[in-house]
Amino acid sequence: MPQDRSRQVSFLKLLLHAGFFVSGISTVLIGQVLPVLSTKFALNDELTANFFPAQFAGSLTGTFLTNWFGNRGRFLAASYIGCALMAIGVLLLNLGSYEVCLLGFVVNGLGIGLTLPAINMLVLELSPESTTASLNVLNFFWGFGAIVSQPFVDLLGRGTDILVPTGLLSGMLALIAVALALSPSGIEKKPMAVAEDDDGGLLPIWTTTVAWIIAAFNFIHVGFESAMGGWLKTYTQRLDPIATGLFPPILIYFIFFVVGRGVAPVFFRFLNDNRMILVSLALTMTGVVLLLWSSTVATLGIAAAIAGFGTSSIFPTNMSRFTKTFGPTASRRATPFFVCGTLGAACTTWLVGLVSTKFDSLRSGMFLLLFGLAVLVLLQTYLTARRTSMA
């Protein structure tokens, strides 16, 4: 690789990781402002839960649009347009109307749906020699943004006024959007010719059972992560309304989420993708069982730490498994994979709120997460057995 191009690629990777960090704040912002907006508009859990499908409806639309950009070799354009949309969406949350806040989450979700898959795919294509490790490092930055989100809102917000944190977040997103837009043209890889010559484009991948099982796995797992990030702060307040401390469970969850992604490359020296996911699922289930059993915030913090560490490497490892299974052109055909994740996030977060309202207990809603993890263990057992039988 020529030296100039190598520098351009390195700088682009730096921008993409910065974009993923800020996207992490924007993605989980919904969980941090949920209690604020619930109080501001006097909402029950079922009405509050409507913010989740609003954001994920936008995210789903953005994911479909990412496929259009990807087929034209324009993941970079999708990234900076997505950052700009997130900048607009988070500002709309400050307007004094429930309906406008819903619109803000739709716009924010549209930006998320464009940015996250596009950046994942760009980093994947720019690091073909170490896909799993590179994706775990990239998603480490997303997790670090998720850590920052909670204190970012709590320290800079004032009661139901979140103008300062959302304004700063909007400014950072706008700066990254401009920097990405000014990146040299031609730095991004163009779609491979084989992808254009294939029969039916998506047909060879998405007519296989294993592709849909991996996508279904993503549906449930992204739903789990979104529900934990979206409801854990509210769940803590229900357990102890006057709980205080420098390290609330939601912050602990994201700290260990980031730590898990940071140390994941070490574990990959000893475990293959399938075994890593099985170990991670076992840890996550342990954390969720403890979470549901917890009667104090201290115990809830321990549960959050275990669940955060356990779930941390599952998404990037599952995504890497998808590309390893279906080859180098899979990154341009991954739209159903990301769509399933977005749908899972929307369904699970909304269902937690619905069940909570019906049973007048948020703990009842959180039991859905344990059920989802049990299904993931069954799916992963099948995929591991299938891999072993093919070896």
Protein backbone atom coordinates (compact mmCIF):
# COMPACT_ATOMS: atom_id res chain seq x y z
CA MET A 1 0.00 0.00 0.00
CA PRO A 2 1.50 3.43 -0.97
CA GLN A 3 2.57 5.53 2.02
CA ASP A 4 0.12 8.37 1.29
CA ARG A 5 -2.80 5.98 1.03
CA SER A 6 -1.67 4.19 4.19
CA ARG A 7 -1.81 7.51 6.06
CA GLN A 8 -5.22 8.30 4.62
CA VAL A 9 -6.55 4.91 5.68
CA SER A 10 -5.09 5.31 9.17
CA PHE A 11 -6.66 8.76 9.56
CA LEU A 12 -10.00 7.48 8.25
CA LYS A 13 -9.91 4.64 10.78
CA LEU A 14 -9.27 7.21 13.52
CA LEU A 15 -12.30 9.24 12.40
CA LEU A 16 -14.45 6.10 12.18
CA HIS A 17 -13.53 5.08 15.71
CA ALA A 18 -14.28 8.61 16.93
CA GLY A 19 -17.62 8.46 15.12
CA PHE A 20 -18.38 5.13 16.76
CA PHE A 21 -17.58 6.58 20.18
CA VAL A 22 -20.01 9.48 19.74
CA SER A 23 -22.57 7.15 18.15
CA GLY A 24 -22.39 5.07 21.33
CA ILE A 25 -23.49 8.10 23.35
CA SER A 26 -26.30 8.83 20.90
CA THR A 27 -27.51 5.23 20.68
CA VAL A 28 -27.97 4.68 24.43
CA LEU A 29 -29.01 8.28 25.13
CA ILE A 30 -32.61 7.03 25.05
CA GLY A 31 -32.06 5.03 28.23
CA GLN A 32 -30.54 8.01 30.05
CA VAL A 33 -33.30 10.49 29.15
CA LEU A 34 -36.15 7.99 29.58
CA PRO A 35 -36.81 8.88 33.24
CA VAL A 36 -36.48 12.59 32.36
CA LEU A 37 -39.03 12.47 29.55
CA SER A 38 -41.31 10.18 31.54
CA THR A 39 -41.43 12.78 34.31
CA LYS A 40 -41.67 15.72 31.91
CA PHE A 41 -44.70 14.32 30.08
CA ALA A 42 -46.17 12.27 33.00
CA LEU A 43 -46.01 8.95 31.08
CA ASN A 44 -46.59 5.38 32.22
CA ASP A 45 -44.18 2.60 31.17
CA GLU A 46 -46.25 1.64 28.11
CA LEU A 47 -46.27 5.21 26.74
CA THR A 48 -42.63 5.71 27.67
CA ALA A 49 -41.77 2.52 25.78
CA ASN A 50 -43.07 4.15 22.57
CA PHE A 51 -39.81 6.07 22.35
CA PHE A 52 -38.01 2.79 21.61
CA PRO A 53 -39.98 1.76 18.48
CA ALA A 54 -39.77 5.39 17.31
CA GLN A 55 -35.97 5.30 17.43
CA PHE A 56 -35.77 1.81 15.99
CA ALA A 57 -38.23 2.59 13.19
CA GLY A 58 -35.78 5.27 12.09
CA SER A 59 -32.90 2.87 12.61
CA LEU A 60 -34.58 0.22 10.46
CA THR A 61 -35.08 2.73 7.64
CA GLY A 62 -31.45 3.79 7.94
CA THR A 63 -30.30 0.18 7.78
CA PHE A 64 -32.16 -0.36 4.50
CA LEU A 65 -30.61 2.85 3.14
CA THR A 66 -27.16 1.60 4.15
CA ASN A 67 -27.62 -1.30 1.75
CA TRP A 68 -28.23 1.19 -1.09
CA PHE A 69 -25.07 3.11 -0.17
CA GLY A 70 -23.04 -0.09 0.23
CA ASN A 71 -23.98 -1.46 -3.18
CA ARG A 72 -22.57 1.75 -4.67
CA GLY A 73 -19.37 1.73 -2.64
CA ARG A 74 -20.50 4.67 -0.49
CA PHE A 75 -20.40 3.46 3.09
CA LEU A 76 -18.40 6.60 3.89
CA ALA A 77 -21.25 8.83 2.68
CA ALA A 78 -23.72 6.84 4.78
CA SER A 79 -21.47 7.43 7.80
CA TYR A 80 -21.33 11.21 7.61
CA ILE A 81 -24.98 11.60 6.63
CA GLY A 82 -25.88 9.41 9.61
CA CYS A 83 -23.81 11.54 11.99
CA ALA A 84 -25.52 14.68 10.70
CA LEU A 85 -28.97 13.15 11.24
CA MET A 86 -28.10 12.11 14.79
CA ALA A 87 -26.98 15.70 15.45
CA ILE A 88 -30.43 16.93 14.41
CA GLY A 89 -32.35 14.20 16.21
CA VAL A 90 -30.86 14.72 19.66
CA LEU A 91 -31.59 18.46 19.50
CA LEU A 92 -35.27 17.78 18.81
CA LEU A 93 -35.53 16.09 22.22
CA ASN A 94 -35.49 19.54 23.83
CA LEU A 95 -38.77 20.72 22.33
CA GLY A 96 -41.73 20.68 24.69
CA SER A 97 -43.92 18.15 22.94
CA TYR A 98 -44.21 14.39 23.33
CA GLU A 99 -44.84 14.03 19.59
CA VAL A 100 -41.78 16.11 18.64
CA CYS A 101 -39.63 14.03 21.00
CA LEU A 102 -40.91 10.93 19.22
CA LEU A 103 -39.85 12.55 15.93
CA GLY A 104 -36.45 13.32 17.44
CA PHE A 105 -35.94 9.65 18.27
CA VAL A 106 -36.99 8.69 14.73
CA VAL A 107 -34.39 11.06 13.22
CA ASN A 108 -31.74 9.95 15.71
CA GLY A 109 -32.55 6.33 14.87
CA LEU A 110 -32.28 7.05 11.15
CA GLY A 111 -28.77 8.35 11.74
CA ILE A 112 -27.88 5.35 13.89
CA GLY A 113 -29.21 2.95 11.26
CA LEU A 114 -27.01 4.56 8.63
CA THR A 115 -23.89 5.02 10.72
CA LEU A 116 -23.41 1.84 12.74
CA PRO A 117 -23.63 -0.73 9.90
CA ALA A 118 -21.68 1.53 7.53
CA ILE A 119 -18.79 2.07 9.95
CA ASN A 120 -18.74 -1.63 10.89
CA MET A 121 -18.51 -2.57 7.22
CA LEU A 122 -15.86 0.07 6.44
CA VAL A 123 -13.60 -1.10 9.25
CA LEU A 124 -14.20 -4.71 8.23
CA GLU A 125 -13.08 -3.96 4.66
CA LEU A 126 -10.11 -1.86 5.78
CA SER A 127 -8.89 -4.64 8.12
CA PRO A 128 -9.34 -7.92 6.19
CA GLU A 129 -6.44 -9.60 7.99
CA SER A 130 -7.97 -9.37 11.50
CA THR A 131 -11.75 -9.04 11.23
CA THR A 132 -12.84 -10.31 14.65
CA ALA A 133 -10.20 -8.39 16.63
CA SER A 134 -10.77 -5.19 14.60
CA LEU A 135 -14.54 -5.31 15.10
CA ASN A 136 -14.12 -5.91 18.83
CA VAL A 137 -11.78 -2.89 19.10
CA LEU A 138 -14.19 -0.75 17.07
CA ASN A 139 -17.13 -1.77 19.22
CA PHE A 140 -14.98 -1.08 22.29
CA PHE A 141 -15.20 2.59 21.28
CA TRP A 142 -18.98 2.34 20.95
CA GLY A 143 -19.11 0.87 24.43
CA PHE A 144 -16.91 3.65 25.80
CA GLY A 145 -19.39 6.13 24.37
CA ALA A 146 -22.18 4.22 26.08
CA ILE A 147 -20.29 4.55 29.40
CA VAL A 148 -19.99 8.30 28.95
CA SER A 149 -23.69 8.69 28.12
CA GLN A 150 -25.00 8.25 31.67
CA PRO A 151 -22.74 10.73 33.52
CA PHE A 152 -22.86 13.02 30.46
CA VAL A 153 -26.62 13.46 30.92
CA ASP A 154 -26.71 13.33 34.72
CA LEU A 155 -23.91 15.86 35.26
CA LEU A 156 -24.86 18.35 32.54
CA GLY A 157 -28.66 18.03 32.63
CA ARG A 158 -30.82 20.09 34.98
CA GLY A 159 -33.96 18.28 36.03
CA THR A 160 -36.05 17.95 32.88
CA ASP A 161 -33.73 20.32 30.97
CA ILE A 162 -31.27 18.35 28.80
CA LEU A 163 -30.29 21.15 26.39
CA VAL A 164 -26.63 21.30 27.48
CA PRO A 165 -25.77 17.58 27.06
CA THR A 166 -27.79 17.17 23.85
CA GLY A 167 -26.35 20.42 22.44
CA LEU A 168 -22.77 19.29 23.09
CA LEU A 169 -23.49 15.86 21.64
CA SER A 170 -25.04 17.44 18.55
CA GLY A 171 -21.94 19.61 18.07
CA MET A 172 -19.57 16.63 18.29
CA LEU A 173 -21.64 14.65 15.81
CA ALA A 174 -21.70 17.59 13.39
CA LEU A 175 -17.89 17.99 13.57
CA ILE A 176 -17.31 14.30 12.85
CA ALA A 177 -19.82 14.43 9.98
CA VAL A 178 -17.87 17.30 8.39
CA ALA A 179 -14.50 15.56 8.92
CA LEU A 180 -15.76 12.35 7.29
CA ALA A 181 -17.31 14.29 4.42
CA LEU A 182 -13.93 15.93 3.74
CA SER A 183 -12.08 12.59 3.61
CA PRO A 184 -10.30 12.00 0.27
CA SER A 185 -12.52 10.56 -2.43
CA GLY A 186 -11.61 7.09 -3.66
CA ILE A 187 -10.27 5.89 -0.31
CA GLU A 188 -13.19 3.50 0.12
CA LYS A 189 -13.14 0.11 -1.58
CA LYS A 190 -15.62 -0.32 -4.39
CA PRO A 191 -18.00 -3.29 -4.52
CA MET A 192 -16.32 -6.41 -5.84
CA ALA A 193 -17.23 -7.44 -9.34
CA VAL A 194 -18.19 -10.89 -8.11
CA ALA A 195 -21.02 -9.34 -6.11
CA GLU A 196 -22.47 -7.90 -9.31
CA ASP A 197 -22.09 -11.14 -11.26
CA ASP A 198 -23.69 -13.32 -8.61
CA ASP A 199 -27.08 -14.86 -9.36
CA GLY A 200 -29.60 -12.68 -7.62
CA GLY A 201 -27.15 -10.72 -5.45
CA LEU A 202 -28.48 -11.70 -2.02
CA LEU A 203 -29.79 -15.08 -3.16
CA PRO A 204 -26.79 -17.34 -2.39
CA ILE A 205 -26.60 -16.14 1.24
CA TRP A 206 -30.19 -15.52 2.19
CA THR A 207 -31.58 -18.80 0.91
CA THR A 208 -29.42 -20.71 3.42
CA THR A 209 -30.72 -21.78 6.82
CA VAL A 210 -27.52 -20.85 8.64
CA ALA A 211 -27.69 -17.23 7.43
CA TRP A 212 -31.15 -16.79 8.94
CA ILE A 213 -30.13 -18.53 12.17
CA ILE A 214 -27.21 -16.11 12.53
CA ALA A 215 -29.59 -13.24 11.76
CA ALA A 216 -32.14 -14.56 14.29
CA PHE A 217 -29.32 -14.74 16.83
CA ASN A 218 -28.61 -11.08 16.11
CA PHE A 219 -32.33 -10.24 16.50
CA ILE A 220 -32.44 -11.62 20.04
CA HIS A 221 -29.03 -10.46 21.17
CA VAL A 222 -29.31 -6.86 19.98
CA GLY A 223 -32.75 -6.83 21.60
CA PHE A 224 -31.16 -7.92 24.87
CA GLU A 225 -28.43 -5.25 24.72
CA SER A 226 -30.93 -2.52 23.84
CA ALA A 227 -33.30 -3.47 26.64
CA MET A 228 -30.49 -3.55 29.20
CA GLY A 229 -29.18 -0.17 28.07
CA GLY A 230 -32.68 1.28 27.80
CA TRP A 231 -34.36 0.02 30.99
CA LEU A 232 -31.61 -0.62 33.57
CA LYS A 233 -31.51 2.96 34.84
CA THR A 234 -35.29 2.97 35.29
CA TYR A 235 -35.15 -0.51 36.86
CA THR A 236 -32.62 0.76 39.40
CA GLN A 237 -34.82 3.70 40.32
CA ARG A 238 -37.79 1.37 40.84
CA LEU A 239 -35.68 -0.78 43.16
CA ASP A 240 -34.45 2.22 45.19
CA PRO A 241 -35.87 5.65 44.21
CA ILE A 242 -33.34 7.53 46.35
CA ALA A 243 -30.26 5.50 45.40
CA THR A 244 -27.14 7.63 44.92
CA GLY A 245 -23.51 6.92 44.18
CA LEU A 246 -20.71 7.53 41.72
CA PHE A 247 -21.19 4.14 40.05
CA PRO A 248 -24.88 3.37 39.42
CA PRO A 249 -25.64 -0.04 37.86
CA ILE A 250 -26.17 1.37 34.35
CA LEU A 251 -22.67 2.90 34.44
CA ILE A 252 -21.19 -0.31 35.84
CA TYR A 253 -22.90 -2.28 33.07
CA PHE A 254 -21.30 -0.17 30.34
CA ILE A 255 -17.91 -0.05 32.06
CA PHE A 256 -17.70 -3.84 32.09
CA PHE A 257 -19.19 -3.92 28.59
CA VAL A 258 -16.23 -1.85 27.41
CA VAL A 259 -13.71 -3.81 29.47
CA GLY A 260 -15.03 -7.02 27.93
CA ARG A 261 -14.52 -5.73 24.41
CA GLY A 262 -11.08 -4.45 25.30
CA VAL A 263 -9.84 -7.81 26.57
CA ALA A 264 -11.73 -9.96 24.03
CA PRO A 265 -8.73 -10.23 21.63
CA VAL A 266 -6.79 -11.98 24.44
CA PHE A 267 -9.46 -14.66 24.82
CA PHE A 268 -9.52 -15.26 21.07
CA ARG A 269 -6.02 -16.67 21.38
CA PHE A 270 -7.53 -19.63 23.22
CA LEU A 271 -11.16 -19.79 22.01
CA ASN A 272 -12.70 -19.89 18.56
CA ASP A 273 -15.75 -17.77 17.74
CA ASN A 274 -18.36 -20.36 18.70
CA ARG A 275 -16.79 -21.28 22.03
CA MET A 276 -16.30 -17.61 22.86
CA ILE A 277 -19.99 -16.94 22.30
CA LEU A 278 -21.03 -19.92 24.46
CA VAL A 279 -18.84 -18.75 27.35
CA SER A 280 -20.15 -15.20 26.94
CA LEU A 281 -23.77 -16.37 27.00
CA ALA A 282 -23.17 -18.36 30.20
CA LEU A 283 -21.76 -15.26 31.90
CA THR A 284 -24.58 -13.06 30.65
CA MET A 285 -27.25 -15.44 31.91
CA THR A 286 -25.57 -15.52 35.32
CA GLY A 287 -25.70 -11.74 35.44
CA VAL A 288 -29.36 -11.56 34.44
CA VAL A 289 -30.43 -14.21 36.97
CA LEU A 290 -28.67 -12.18 39.68
CA LEU A 291 -30.27 -8.99 38.36
CA LEU A 292 -33.76 -10.45 38.68
CA TRP A 293 -32.98 -11.78 42.17
CA SER A 294 -31.40 -8.53 43.43
CA SER A 295 -33.09 -6.65 46.24
CA THR A 296 -30.39 -4.00 46.71
CA VAL A 297 -28.63 -1.59 44.36
CA ALA A 298 -25.26 -3.04 45.40
CA THR A 299 -26.27 -6.54 44.26
CA LEU A 300 -27.76 -5.04 41.11
CA GLY A 301 -24.39 -3.42 40.38
CA ILE A 302 -22.65 -6.80 40.60
CA ALA A 303 -25.27 -8.30 38.30
CA ALA A 304 -24.81 -5.44 35.83
CA ALA A 305 -21.04 -5.98 35.83
CA ILE A 306 -21.37 -9.70 35.05
CA ALA A 307 -24.00 -9.15 32.35
CA GLY A 308 -22.06 -6.29 30.76
CA PHE A 309 -18.82 -8.26 30.61
CA GLY A 310 -20.61 -11.35 29.31
CA THR A 311 -22.50 -9.71 26.49
CA SER A 312 -19.68 -7.41 25.37
CA SER A 313 -18.06 -9.48 22.64
CA ILE A 314 -21.13 -11.35 21.36
CA PHE A 315 -22.29 -8.89 18.69
CA PRO A 316 -18.93 -8.32 16.94
CA THR A 317 -18.09 -12.03 17.15
CA ASN A 318 -21.44 -13.02 15.64
CA MET A 319 -20.97 -10.46 12.89
CA SER A 320 -17.45 -11.69 12.16
CA ARG A 321 -18.82 -15.24 12.05
CA PHE A 322 -21.28 -14.10 9.38
CA THR A 323 -18.53 -12.67 7.15
CA LYS A 324 -16.26 -15.68 7.70
CA THR A 325 -19.09 -18.06 6.79
CA PHE A 326 -20.10 -16.31 3.57
CA GLY A 327 -16.85 -14.84 2.29
CA PRO A 328 -15.42 -11.42 1.36
CA THR A 329 -18.55 -10.13 -0.42
CA ALA A 330 -20.76 -10.76 2.62
CA SER A 331 -20.18 -7.23 3.93
CA ARG A 332 -22.14 -5.87 0.95
CA ARG A 333 -24.99 -8.31 1.56
CA ALA A 334 -25.43 -7.96 5.31
CA THR A 335 -28.58 -5.80 5.29
CA PRO A 336 -30.91 -8.56 6.61
CA PHE A 337 -28.41 -9.21 9.41
CA PHE A 338 -28.59 -5.60 10.57
CA VAL A 339 -32.34 -5.35 9.93
CA CYS A 340 -32.93 -8.30 12.26
CA GLY A 341 -30.85 -6.60 14.94
CA THR A 342 -32.82 -3.37 14.62
CA LEU A 343 -36.15 -5.21 14.74
CA GLY A 344 -34.98 -7.15 17.78
CA ALA A 345 -34.03 -3.94 19.57
CA ALA A 346 -37.42 -2.36 18.81
CA CYS A 347 -39.46 -5.43 19.78
CA THR A 348 -37.64 -6.31 22.99
CA THR A 349 -37.44 -2.80 24.45
CA TRP A 350 -41.12 -2.18 23.68
CA LEU A 351 -42.23 -5.55 25.03
CA VAL A 352 -40.41 -4.94 28.32
CA GLY A 353 -42.45 -1.76 28.78
CA LEU A 354 -45.70 -3.46 27.74
CA VAL A 355 -45.26 -6.41 30.13
CA SER A 356 -44.20 -4.03 32.90
CA THR A 357 -47.40 -2.02 32.53
CA LYS A 358 -49.66 -5.09 32.28
CA PHE A 359 -48.21 -6.67 35.44
CA ASP A 360 -47.41 -3.37 37.17
CA SER A 361 -43.85 -4.62 37.64
CA LEU A 362 -40.75 -3.73 35.62
CA ARG A 363 -39.10 -6.88 37.02
CA SER A 364 -41.73 -8.92 35.14
CA GLY A 365 -40.75 -7.18 31.92
CA MET A 366 -37.06 -7.85 32.52
CA PHE A 367 -37.79 -11.59 32.71
CA LEU A 368 -38.11 -11.42 28.91
CA LEU A 369 -34.34 -10.94 28.77
CA LEU A 370 -33.69 -14.23 30.53
CA PHE A 371 -36.02 -16.02 28.13
CA GLY A 372 -34.20 -14.46 25.16
CA LEU A 373 -30.82 -15.62 26.47
CA ALA A 374 -32.14 -19.17 26.83
CA VAL A 375 -33.15 -19.13 23.16
CA LEU A 376 -29.68 -17.80 22.24
CA VAL A 377 -28.06 -20.75 24.01
CA LEU A 378 -30.16 -23.15 21.93
CA LEU A 379 -29.28 -21.35 18.67
CA GLN A 380 -25.61 -21.23 19.57
CA THR A 381 -25.57 -24.91 20.48
CA TYR A 382 -26.96 -25.71 17.03
CA LEU A 383 -24.42 -23.48 15.25
CA THR A 384 -21.55 -24.97 17.25
CA ALA A 385 -22.70 -28.52 16.51
CA ARG A 386 -23.08 -27.69 12.83
CA ARG A 387 -19.57 -26.26 12.70
CA THR A 388 -18.15 -29.33 14.44
CA SER A 389 -19.90 -31.73 12.06
CA MET A 390 -18.48 -29.83 9.05
CA ALA A 391 -14.92 -29.84 10.40
